[in-house]
Amino acid sequence: MLGDLTTAEAPVRIVREAFAFHGALDILVCNAGG
């Protein structure tokens, strides 16, 4: 049960980190372009 829970949450954590990184990248691009 615990292993399944960890496996199920891992993709969510990866997606959140990817979105956070993408958001930071957008901010940098906007600051450089603006």
C-alpha atoms as a PDB file:
ATOM      1  CA  MET A   1       0.000   0.000   0.000  1.00  0.00           C
ATOM      2  CA  LEU A   2       2.714   2.430   0.964  1.00  0.00           C
ATOM      3  CA  GLY A   3       4.759   1.583  -2.131  1.00  0.00           C
ATOM      4  CA  ASP A   4       1.731   2.069  -4.395  1.00  0.00           C
ATOM      5  CA  LEU A   5       1.015   5.437  -2.791  1.00  0.00           C
ATOM      6  CA  THR A   6       4.581   6.596  -3.383  1.00  0.00           C
ATOM      7  CA  THR A   7       4.471   5.406  -6.994  1.00  0.00           C
ATOM      8  CA  ALA A   8       1.169   7.196  -7.549  1.00  0.00           C
ATOM      9  CA  GLU A   9       2.438  10.473  -6.095  1.00  0.00           C
ATOM     10  CA  ALA A  10       5.762  10.472  -7.939  1.00  0.00           C
ATOM     11  CA  PRO A  11       4.310  11.567 -11.343  1.00  0.00           C
ATOM     12  CA  VAL A  12       2.351  14.340  -9.637  1.00  0.00           C
ATOM     13  CA  ARG A  13       5.519  15.617  -7.983  1.00  0.00           C
ATOM     14  CA  ILE A  14       7.363  15.493 -11.314  1.00  0.00           C
ATOM     15  CA  VAL A  15       4.560  17.409 -13.044  1.00  0.00           C
ATOM     16  CA  ARG A  16       4.488  20.055 -10.307  1.00  0.00           C
ATOM     17  CA  GLU A  17       8.247  20.517 -10.530  1.00  0.00           C
ATOM     18  CA  ALA A  18       8.036  20.727 -14.323  1.00  0.00           C
ATOM     19  CA  PHE A  19       5.321  23.388 -14.122  1.00  0.00           C
ATOM     20  CA  ALA A  20       7.297  25.334 -11.503  1.00  0.00           C
ATOM     21  CA  PHE A  21      10.403  25.202 -13.709  1.00  0.00           C
ATOM     22  CA  HIS A  22       8.397  26.219 -16.782  1.00  0.00           C
ATOM     23  CA  GLY A  23       6.860  29.128 -14.849  1.00  0.00           C
ATOM     24  CA  ALA A  24      10.294  30.332 -13.742  1.00  0.00           C
ATOM     25  CA  LEU A  25      11.525  30.025 -17.329  1.00  0.00           C
ATOM     26  CA  ASP A  26       8.572  32.116 -18.578  1.00  0.00           C
ATOM     27  CA  ILE A  27       9.368  34.810 -15.994  1.00  0.00           C
ATOM     28  CA  LEU A  28      13.002  34.929 -17.123  1.00  0.00           C
ATOM     29  CA  VAL A  29      11.969  35.150 -20.791  1.00  0.00           C
ATOM     30  CA  CYS A  30       9.446  37.909 -20.061  1.00  0.00           C
ATOM     31  CA  ASN A  31      12.013  39.897 -18.056  1.00  0.00           C
ATOM     32  CA  ALA A  32      14.638  39.519 -20.778  1.00  0.00           C
ATOM     33  CA  GLY A  33      12.186  40.371 -23.568  1.00  0.00           C
ATOM     34  CA  GLY A  34      10.430  43.204 -21.733  1.00  0.00           C
END
